[in-house]
């Protein structure tokens, strides 16, 4: 596997405390993960990690999601993900 797609799931209809936890979670990601080589942010809590250089970042993403109590999903790919984008 060469790439991993990580997605943390935001709960629908967050209460005030849960919203604060979500924002704290995103803040930790911005500080600890986003500056890492081999990591690309796709959206609020979705990242692609190139596993040759981003394995540590992926493990941090999974660990932070667990620490803050958010469900996360990781999908692995053998090749770079061929995105189809539109505007």
Protein backbone atom coordinates (compact mmCIF):
# COMPACT_ATOMS: atom_id res chain seq x y z
CA UNK A 1 0.00 0.00 0.00
CA UNK A 2 1.32 3.40 -0.97
CA UNK A 3 -1.47 5.81 -0.04
CA UNK A 4 -4.09 6.10 2.68
CA UNK A 5 -7.27 8.14 2.70
CA UNK A 6 -8.20 9.15 6.27
CA UNK A 7 -11.61 10.58 7.14
CA UNK A 8 -12.77 11.59 10.61
CA UNK A 9 -16.53 11.70 10.95
CA UNK A 10 -18.19 14.73 12.44
CA UNK A 11 -21.28 13.78 14.39
CA UNK A 12 -24.49 15.37 13.12
CA UNK A 13 -26.13 18.01 15.34
CA UNK A 14 -23.21 18.54 17.70
CA UNK A 15 -23.94 19.95 21.12
CA UNK A 16 -21.90 22.95 22.36
CA UNK A 17 -19.33 20.79 24.18
CA UNK A 18 -19.03 18.41 21.21
CA UNK A 19 -18.50 21.37 18.86
CA UNK A 20 -15.66 22.58 21.09
CA UNK A 21 -14.11 19.08 21.04
CA UNK A 22 -14.39 18.94 17.24
CA UNK A 23 -12.66 22.31 16.91
CA UNK A 24 -9.94 21.23 19.36
CA UNK A 25 -9.45 18.05 17.33
CA UNK A 26 -9.09 20.07 14.11
CA UNK A 27 -6.65 22.41 15.85
CA UNK A 28 -4.43 19.53 16.96
CA UNK A 29 -4.45 18.16 13.42
CA UNK A 30 -3.47 21.55 12.01
CA UNK A 31 -0.53 21.79 14.42
CA UNK A 32 0.75 18.22 14.40
CA UNK A 33 -0.23 16.68 11.07
CA UNK A 34 -0.76 19.28 8.34
CA UNK A 35 2.88 20.45 8.29
CA UNK A 36 4.08 16.86 7.73
CA UNK A 37 5.59 15.86 4.42
CA UNK A 38 3.46 13.45 2.39
CA UNK A 39 0.14 14.66 3.79
CA UNK A 40 -2.53 16.50 1.77
CA UNK A 41 -5.67 17.94 3.30
CA UNK A 42 -8.78 17.34 1.19
CA UNK A 43 -11.41 18.89 3.43
CA UNK A 44 -12.11 19.69 7.07
CA UNK A 45 -11.10 16.26 8.38
CA UNK A 46 -10.09 14.27 5.30
CA UNK A 47 -6.46 13.65 4.40
CA UNK A 48 -4.44 11.66 1.91
CA UNK A 49 -1.14 10.33 3.26
CA UNK A 50 1.66 9.04 1.07
CA UNK A 51 2.83 6.15 3.23
CA UNK A 52 6.50 6.44 2.24
CA UNK A 53 6.69 9.74 4.13
CA UNK A 54 3.32 10.15 5.85
CA UNK A 55 2.93 6.98 7.91
CA UNK A 56 3.68 8.81 11.14
CA UNK A 57 1.09 11.46 10.22
CA UNK A 58 -1.51 8.77 9.53
CA UNK A 59 -0.89 7.20 12.91
CA UNK A 60 -1.28 10.63 14.52
CA UNK A 61 -4.58 11.20 12.71
CA UNK A 62 -5.94 7.87 13.90
CA UNK A 63 -4.67 8.42 17.43
CA UNK A 64 -6.12 11.94 17.68
CA UNK A 65 -9.51 10.81 16.39
CA UNK A 66 -9.58 8.06 18.99
CA UNK A 67 -8.37 10.40 21.74
CA UNK A 68 -11.13 12.93 20.99
CA UNK A 69 -13.79 10.23 20.55
CA UNK A 70 -14.49 10.61 16.84
CA UNK A 71 -15.02 7.72 14.47
CA UNK A 72 -12.47 7.57 11.68
CA UNK A 73 -12.08 5.50 8.55
CA UNK A 74 -8.95 4.71 6.60
CA UNK A 75 -8.86 3.35 3.09
CA UNK A 76 -5.58 2.14 1.55
CA UNK A 77 -4.56 2.38 -2.11
CA UNK A 78 -1.71 0.82 -4.10
CA UNK A 79 -1.56 3.79 -6.46
CA UNK A 80 -2.07 7.51 -6.24
CA UNK A 81 -5.79 8.25 -6.09
CA UNK A 82 -7.06 9.36 -9.52
CA UNK A 83 -9.35 12.25 -8.54
CA UNK A 84 -12.05 13.55 -10.84
CA UNK A 85 -12.81 17.13 -9.91
CA UNK A 86 -15.41 19.59 -11.09
CA UNK A 87 -16.20 23.18 -10.30
